[in-house]
């Protein structure tokens, strides 16, 4: 039997993306997100309109989409409640966010130069996509979110993931970090508690297989 409920979160399961952009002073910003989907060589990103990442993307017209594996969940979770915007709204302060100008350092990740864009790649991520911004439009009537379309200009992929003799990724070797209802999953199992879920007051459940 189905029941009608007002779902607070609609994250049914999408890959986590670390978006690297360049700040106005030339330093790097790094932000985790999971509202992303791909079609052809383009990707649609759903971002908070007031976020530093959105501002950087609209100004610089470029970014790098870094896809972490499930093994990198610790680094991603360290970024969960950090923001590159110095002025925090009361709501974000209440949720536990704090300003952090050095996101790479806070996540203990390594910036690496990109080939075609100014924003850095995340060296640890098995897949890194250099992108250019194609369009941006309000996602809702209140302009709280922005839908940004980017085109992939160059893909950097760990050789271990490539099917030998092809330009295809082996799906059996690629274990992406998945955000499912604000919790982290990899290879079908929960891999790490989420600070974001705690901040959003998402109820904890007993992992499958746990006593």
C-alpha atoms as a PDB file:
ATOM      1  CA  UNK A   1       0.000   0.000   0.000  1.00  0.00           C
ATOM      2  CA  UNK A   2       1.248   3.482  -0.866  1.00  0.00           C
ATOM      3  CA  UNK A   3       0.930   6.493   1.429  1.00  0.00           C
ATOM      4  CA  UNK A   4       0.863  10.165   0.453  1.00  0.00           C
ATOM      5  CA  UNK A   5       3.630  12.106   2.242  1.00  0.00           C
ATOM      6  CA  UNK A   6       5.242  15.518   1.815  1.00  0.00           C
ATOM      7  CA  UNK A   7       8.823  14.508   0.984  1.00  0.00           C
ATOM      8  CA  UNK A   8      11.348  16.873   2.534  1.00  0.00           C
ATOM      9  CA  UNK A   9      14.184  15.593   0.325  1.00  0.00           C
ATOM     10  CA  UNK A  10      14.073  14.249  -3.247  1.00  0.00           C
ATOM     11  CA  UNK A  11      17.633  12.933  -3.507  1.00  0.00           C
ATOM     12  CA  UNK A  12      16.760   9.452  -4.741  1.00  0.00           C
ATOM     13  CA  UNK A  13      20.395   8.712  -5.600  1.00  0.00           C
ATOM     14  CA  UNK A  14      22.822  10.750  -7.708  1.00  0.00           C
ATOM     15  CA  UNK A  15      26.635  10.921  -7.953  1.00  0.00           C
ATOM     16  CA  UNK A  16      28.462  13.386  -5.746  1.00  0.00           C
ATOM     17  CA  UNK A  17      30.406  16.038  -7.663  1.00  0.00           C
ATOM     18  CA  UNK A  18      33.154  18.268  -6.315  1.00  0.00           C
ATOM     19  CA  UNK A  19      32.959  21.493  -8.312  1.00  0.00           C
ATOM     20  CA  UNK A  20      36.143  23.530  -8.430  1.00  0.00           C
ATOM     21  CA  UNK A  21      35.940  27.160  -9.512  1.00  0.00           C
ATOM     22  CA  UNK A  22      38.101  30.251  -9.261  1.00  0.00           C
ATOM     23  CA  UNK A  23      37.365  33.045  -6.786  1.00  0.00           C
ATOM     24  CA  UNK A  24      37.636  36.746  -7.716  1.00  0.00           C
ATOM     25  CA  UNK A  25      41.106  36.910  -6.115  1.00  0.00           C
ATOM     26  CA  UNK A  26      42.339  33.940  -8.157  1.00  0.00           C
ATOM     27  CA  UNK A  27      42.204  31.394  -5.331  1.00  0.00           C
ATOM     28  CA  UNK A  28      40.336  28.106  -5.703  1.00  0.00           C
ATOM     29  CA  UNK A  29      36.916  27.229  -4.353  1.00  0.00           C
ATOM     30  CA  UNK A  30      35.729  23.647  -3.963  1.00  0.00           C
ATOM     31  CA  UNK A  31      32.153  22.597  -3.238  1.00  0.00           C
ATOM     32  CA  UNK A  32      30.322  19.259  -3.027  1.00  0.00           C
ATOM     33  CA  UNK A  33      26.951  18.855  -4.730  1.00  0.00           C
ATOM     34  CA  UNK A  34      24.776  16.065  -6.093  1.00  0.00           C
ATOM     35  CA  UNK A  35      22.129  17.801  -8.207  1.00  0.00           C
ATOM     36  CA  UNK A  36      23.767  16.965 -11.519  1.00  0.00           C
ATOM     37  CA  UNK A  37      22.848  14.950 -14.588  1.00  0.00           C
ATOM     38  CA  UNK A  38      24.514  14.400 -17.952  1.00  0.00           C
ATOM     39  CA  UNK A  39      23.281  14.129 -21.536  1.00  0.00           C
ATOM     40  CA  UNK A  40      25.765  13.856 -24.396  1.00  0.00           C
ATOM     41  CA  UNK A  41      28.700  16.137 -23.651  1.00  0.00           C
ATOM     42  CA  UNK A  42      26.656  18.477 -21.459  1.00  0.00           C
ATOM     43  CA  UNK A  43      25.726  18.523 -17.784  1.00  0.00           C
ATOM     44  CA  UNK A  44      22.958  20.294 -15.885  1.00  0.00           C
ATOM     45  CA  UNK A  45      23.861  21.550 -12.415  1.00  0.00           C
ATOM     46  CA  UNK A  46      21.364  22.695  -9.801  1.00  0.00           C
ATOM     47  CA  UNK A  47      23.038  25.156  -7.419  1.00  0.00           C
ATOM     48  CA  UNK A  48      22.071  27.574  -4.676  1.00  0.00           C
ATOM     49  CA  UNK A  49      21.898  30.978  -6.350  1.00  0.00           C
ATOM     50  CA  UNK A  50      23.788  32.732  -3.563  1.00  0.00           C
ATOM     51  CA  UNK A  51      26.584  30.198  -3.279  1.00  0.00           C
ATOM     52  CA  UNK A  52      30.185  31.098  -4.027  1.00  0.00           C
ATOM     53  CA  UNK A  53      30.301  28.352  -6.654  1.00  0.00           C
ATOM     54  CA  UNK A  54      27.358  29.821  -8.570  1.00  0.00           C
ATOM     55  CA  UNK A  55      28.837  33.308  -8.429  1.00  0.00           C
ATOM     56  CA  UNK A  56      32.198  32.021  -9.628  1.00  0.00           C
ATOM     57  CA  UNK A  57      30.635  30.033 -12.463  1.00  0.00           C
ATOM     58  CA  UNK A  58      28.615  32.989 -13.702  1.00  0.00           C
ATOM     59  CA  UNK A  59      31.672  35.237 -13.635  1.00  0.00           C
ATOM     60  CA  UNK A  60      34.390  32.877 -14.892  1.00  0.00           C
ATOM     61  CA  UNK A  61      32.182  30.833 -17.286  1.00  0.00           C
ATOM     62  CA  UNK A  62      34.100  27.646 -16.459  1.00  0.00           C
ATOM     63  CA  UNK A  63      34.689  24.983 -13.827  1.00  0.00           C
ATOM     64  CA  UNK A  64      35.946  21.455 -13.232  1.00  0.00           C
ATOM     65  CA  UNK A  65      33.532  18.701 -12.257  1.00  0.00           C
ATOM     66  CA  UNK A  66      35.504  16.236 -10.151  1.00  0.00           C
ATOM     67  CA  UNK A  67      33.828  12.888  -9.486  1.00  0.00           C
ATOM     68  CA  UNK A  68      35.011  11.265  -6.244  1.00  0.00           C
ATOM     69  CA  UNK A  69      34.959   7.525  -5.706  1.00  0.00           C
ATOM     70  CA  UNK A  70      33.213   6.067  -2.670  1.00  0.00           C
ATOM     71  CA  UNK A  71      36.660   5.762  -1.050  1.00  0.00           C
ATOM     72  CA  UNK A  72      36.905   9.571  -0.890  1.00  0.00           C
ATOM     73  CA  UNK A  73      33.835  10.000   1.303  1.00  0.00           C
ATOM     74  CA  UNK A  74      35.857  11.352   4.263  1.00  0.00           C
ATOM     75  CA  UNK A  75      37.178  14.261   2.186  1.00  0.00           C
ATOM     76  CA  UNK A  76      33.729  15.057   0.789  1.00  0.00           C
ATOM     77  CA  UNK A  77      32.115  15.015   4.221  1.00  0.00           C
ATOM     78  CA  UNK A  78      34.752  17.436   5.534  1.00  0.00           C
ATOM     79  CA  UNK A  79      33.424  19.959   2.988  1.00  0.00           C
ATOM     80  CA  UNK A  80      29.758  19.400   3.794  1.00  0.00           C
ATOM     81  CA  UNK A  81      29.195  22.380   6.105  1.00  0.00           C
ATOM     82  CA  UNK A  82      31.825  24.758   4.721  1.00  0.00           C
ATOM     83  CA  UNK A  83      31.149  27.757   2.508  1.00  0.00           C
ATOM     84  CA  UNK A  84      33.369  29.997   0.442  1.00  0.00           C
ATOM     85  CA  UNK A  85      31.063  32.959   1.058  1.00  0.00           C
ATOM     86  CA  UNK A  86      32.182  35.106   4.037  1.00  0.00           C
ATOM     87  CA  UNK A  87      28.678  36.469   4.727  1.00  0.00           C
ATOM     88  CA  UNK A  88      26.544  33.652   6.131  1.00  0.00           C
ATOM     89  CA  UNK A  89      22.763  33.829   6.313  1.00  0.00           C
ATOM     90  CA  UNK A  90      21.122  33.188   9.705  1.00  0.00           C
ATOM     91  CA  UNK A  91      19.728  29.933   8.302  1.00  0.00           C
ATOM     92  CA  UNK A  92      23.178  28.663   7.346  1.00  0.00           C
ATOM     93  CA  UNK A  93      24.621  29.668  10.708  1.00  0.00           C
ATOM     94  CA  UNK A  94      21.807  27.757  12.403  1.00  0.00           C
ATOM     95  CA  UNK A  95      22.596  24.674  10.304  1.00  0.00           C
ATOM     96  CA  UNK A  96      26.248  24.823  11.370  1.00  0.00           C
ATOM     97  CA  UNK A  97      27.957  26.204   8.260  1.00  0.00           C
ATOM     98  CA  UNK A  98      31.192  28.172   8.607  1.00  0.00           C
ATOM     99  CA  UNK A  99      33.297  30.218   6.222  1.00  0.00           C
ATOM    100  CA  UNK A 100      36.431  28.469   4.936  1.00  0.00           C
ATOM    101  CA  UNK A 101      38.642  30.175   2.317  1.00  0.00           C
ATOM    102  CA  UNK A 102      40.910  27.119   1.843  1.00  0.00           C
ATOM    103  CA  UNK A 103      38.523  24.349   0.820  1.00  0.00           C
ATOM    104  CA  UNK A 104      41.247  22.118  -0.649  1.00  0.00           C
ATOM    105  CA  UNK A 105      43.207  22.287   2.592  1.00  0.00           C
ATOM    106  CA  UNK A 106      40.133  21.652   4.721  1.00  0.00           C
ATOM    107  CA  UNK A 107      39.234  18.573   2.669  1.00  0.00           C
ATOM    108  CA  UNK A 108      42.881  17.435   2.563  1.00  0.00           C
ATOM    109  CA  UNK A 109      42.738  17.250  -1.217  1.00  0.00           C
ATOM    110  CA  UNK A 110      45.322  18.294  -3.786  1.00  0.00           C
ATOM    111  CA  UNK A 111      44.755  20.916  -6.510  1.00  0.00           C
ATOM    112  CA  UNK A 112      46.180  20.072  -9.932  1.00  0.00           C
ATOM    113  CA  UNK A 113      46.354  22.387 -12.971  1.00  0.00           C
ATOM    114  CA  UNK A 114      43.706  21.917 -15.635  1.00  0.00           C
ATOM    115  CA  UNK A 115      44.541  22.040 -19.332  1.00  0.00           C
ATOM    116  CA  UNK A 116      41.832  24.329 -20.702  1.00  0.00           C
ATOM    117  CA  UNK A 117      40.291  26.186 -17.755  1.00  0.00           C
ATOM    118  CA  UNK A 118      41.705  28.260 -14.903  1.00  0.00           C
ATOM    119  CA  UNK A 119      39.971  26.303 -12.125  1.00  0.00           C
ATOM    120  CA  UNK A 120      42.058  23.430 -10.699  1.00  0.00           C
ATOM    121  CA  UNK A 121      41.308  19.729 -10.859  1.00  0.00           C
ATOM    122  CA  UNK A 122      41.131  17.537  -7.742  1.00  0.00           C
ATOM    123  CA  UNK A 123      44.108  15.220  -8.150  1.00  0.00           C
ATOM    124  CA  UNK A 124      42.605  12.446  -6.012  1.00  0.00           C
ATOM    125  CA  UNK A 125      39.374  12.150  -8.018  1.00  0.00           C
ATOM    126  CA  UNK A 126      39.411   9.327 -10.612  1.00  0.00           C
ATOM    127  CA  UNK A 127      37.350  11.394 -13.063  1.00  0.00           C
ATOM    128  CA  UNK A 128      37.873  15.125 -13.696  1.00  0.00           C
ATOM    129  CA  UNK A 129      35.836  17.033 -16.305  1.00  0.00           C
ATOM    130  CA  UNK A 130      36.934  20.476 -17.488  1.00  0.00           C
ATOM    131  CA  UNK A 131      33.829  22.432 -18.469  1.00  0.00           C
ATOM    132  CA  UNK A 132      32.608  25.693 -19.957  1.00  0.00           C
ATOM    133  CA  UNK A 133      29.344  27.380 -18.951  1.00  0.00           C
ATOM    134  CA  UNK A 134      26.687  27.433 -21.686  1.00  0.00           C
ATOM    135  CA  UNK A 135      23.673  28.887 -19.897  1.00  0.00           C
ATOM    136  CA  UNK A 136      22.147  29.798 -16.547  1.00  0.00           C
ATOM    137  CA  UNK A 137      18.510  30.309 -15.591  1.00  0.00           C
ATOM    138  CA  UNK A 138      16.438  30.580 -12.401  1.00  0.00           C
ATOM    139  CA  UNK A 139      15.241  27.173 -11.253  1.00  0.00           C
ATOM    140  CA  UNK A 140      12.351  28.363  -9.088  1.00  0.00           C
ATOM    141  CA  UNK A 141      10.087  31.381  -8.734  1.00  0.00           C
ATOM    142  CA  UNK A 142      11.991  32.674  -5.699  1.00  0.00           C
ATOM    143  CA  UNK A 143      15.365  32.497  -7.526  1.00  0.00           C
ATOM    144  CA  UNK A 144      16.813  30.469  -4.667  1.00  0.00           C
ATOM    145  CA  UNK A 145      18.337  27.950  -7.078  1.00  0.00           C
ATOM    146  CA  UNK A 146      19.964  28.301 -10.481  1.00  0.00           C
ATOM    147  CA  UNK A 147      20.087  25.732 -13.269  1.00  0.00           C
ATOM    148  CA  UNK A 148      23.470  25.891 -14.991  1.00  0.00           C
ATOM    149  CA  UNK A 149      24.326  24.013 -18.183  1.00  0.00           C
ATOM    150  CA  UNK A 150      27.978  23.240 -18.842  1.00  0.00           C
ATOM    151  CA  UNK A 151      29.770  21.478 -21.686  1.00  0.00           C
ATOM    152  CA  UNK A 152      32.605  19.040 -21.053  1.00  0.00           C
ATOM    153  CA  UNK A 153      35.721  20.256 -22.864  1.00  0.00           C
ATOM    154  CA  UNK A 154      38.174  17.632 -21.641  1.00  0.00           C
ATOM    155  CA  UNK A 155      37.897  14.482 -19.525  1.00  0.00           C
ATOM    156  CA  UNK A 156      40.723  13.144 -17.351  1.00  0.00           C
ATOM    157  CA  UNK A 157      40.124   9.509 -16.332  1.00  0.00           C
ATOM    158  CA  UNK A 158      42.218   7.178 -14.187  1.00  0.00           C
ATOM    159  CA  UNK A 159      43.692   4.519 -16.495  1.00  0.00           C
ATOM    160  CA  UNK A 160      42.492   1.802 -14.126  1.00  0.00           C
ATOM    161  CA  UNK A 161      38.886   2.670 -15.020  1.00  0.00           C
ATOM    162  CA  UNK A 162      39.289   2.558 -18.818  1.00  0.00           C
ATOM    163  CA  UNK A 163      38.341  -0.575 -20.771  1.00  0.00           C
ATOM    164  CA  UNK A 164      41.622  -1.540 -22.506  1.00  0.00           C
ATOM    165  CA  UNK A 165      41.798  -0.462 -26.126  1.00  0.00           C
ATOM    166  CA  UNK A 166      38.700   1.763 -25.871  1.00  0.00           C
ATOM    167  CA  UNK A 167      37.561   5.212 -24.757  1.00  0.00           C
ATOM    168  CA  UNK A 168      34.949   3.748 -22.382  1.00  0.00           C
ATOM    169  CA  UNK A 169      34.852   3.543 -18.594  1.00  0.00           C
ATOM    170  CA  UNK A 170      34.430   0.073 -17.101  1.00  0.00           C
ATOM    171  CA  UNK A 171      31.262   0.325 -14.951  1.00  0.00           C
ATOM    172  CA  UNK A 172      32.406  -2.636 -12.847  1.00  0.00           C
ATOM    173  CA  UNK A 173      35.542  -0.757 -11.804  1.00  0.00           C
ATOM    174  CA  UNK A 174      33.939   2.651 -11.305  1.00  0.00           C
ATOM    175  CA  UNK A 175      32.451   2.944  -7.816  1.00  0.00           C
ATOM    176  CA  UNK A 176      31.055   6.487  -7.575  1.00  0.00           C
ATOM    177  CA  UNK A 177      30.172   8.145  -4.307  1.00  0.00           C
ATOM    178  CA  UNK A 178      26.370   8.408  -4.307  1.00  0.00           C
ATOM    179  CA  UNK A 179      24.233  10.832  -2.316  1.00  0.00           C
ATOM    180  CA  UNK A 180      20.945   9.146  -1.447  1.00  0.00           C
ATOM    181  CA  UNK A 181      18.548  11.113   0.743  1.00  0.00           C
ATOM    182  CA  UNK A 182      21.529  13.081   2.128  1.00  0.00           C
ATOM    183  CA  UNK A 183      23.450   9.931   3.084  1.00  0.00           C
ATOM    184  CA  UNK A 184      26.624   8.592   1.443  1.00  0.00           C
ATOM    185  CA  UNK A 185      26.537   5.300  -0.442  1.00  0.00           C
ATOM    186  CA  UNK A 186      29.017   3.319  -2.518  1.00  0.00           C
ATOM    187  CA  UNK A 187      28.611  -0.049  -4.192  1.00  0.00           C
ATOM    188  CA  UNK A 188      25.068  -0.205  -2.833  1.00  0.00           C
ATOM    189  CA  UNK A 189      25.927   0.184   0.855  1.00  0.00           C
ATOM    190  CA  UNK A 190      26.122   3.144   3.232  1.00  0.00           C
ATOM    191  CA  UNK A 191      29.772   4.126   3.556  1.00  0.00           C
ATOM    192  CA  UNK A 192      29.887   7.042   6.005  1.00  0.00           C
ATOM    193  CA  UNK A 193      27.644   9.138   8.281  1.00  0.00           C
ATOM    194  CA  UNK A 194      26.747  12.469   6.701  1.00  0.00           C
ATOM    195  CA  UNK A 195      27.154  15.857   8.377  1.00  0.00           C
ATOM    196  CA  UNK A 196      24.711  17.285   5.864  1.00  0.00           C
ATOM    197  CA  UNK A 197      22.017  14.799   6.871  1.00  0.00           C
ATOM    198  CA  UNK A 198      22.554  15.791  10.488  1.00  0.00           C
ATOM    199  CA  UNK A 199      22.298  19.498   9.657  1.00  0.00           C
ATOM    200  CA  UNK A 200      19.109  18.896   7.674  1.00  0.00           C
ATOM    201  CA  UNK A 201      17.722  16.770  10.517  1.00  0.00           C
ATOM    202  CA  UNK A 202      17.285  13.715   8.320  1.00  0.00           C
ATOM    203  CA  UNK A 203      16.337  10.765  10.566  1.00  0.00           C
ATOM    204  CA  UNK A 204      18.995   8.053  10.877  1.00  0.00           C
ATOM    205  CA  UNK A 205      18.091   4.487  10.021  1.00  0.00           C
ATOM    206  CA  UNK A 206      19.815   1.194  10.763  1.00  0.00           C
ATOM    207  CA  UNK A 207      22.072   0.207   7.826  1.00  0.00           C
ATOM    208  CA  UNK A 208      21.044  -2.877   5.874  1.00  0.00           C
ATOM    209  CA  UNK A 209      22.684  -5.947   7.418  1.00  0.00           C
ATOM    210  CA  UNK A 210      23.338  -4.274  10.770  1.00  0.00           C
ATOM    211  CA  UNK A 211      22.277  -6.049  13.914  1.00  0.00           C
END
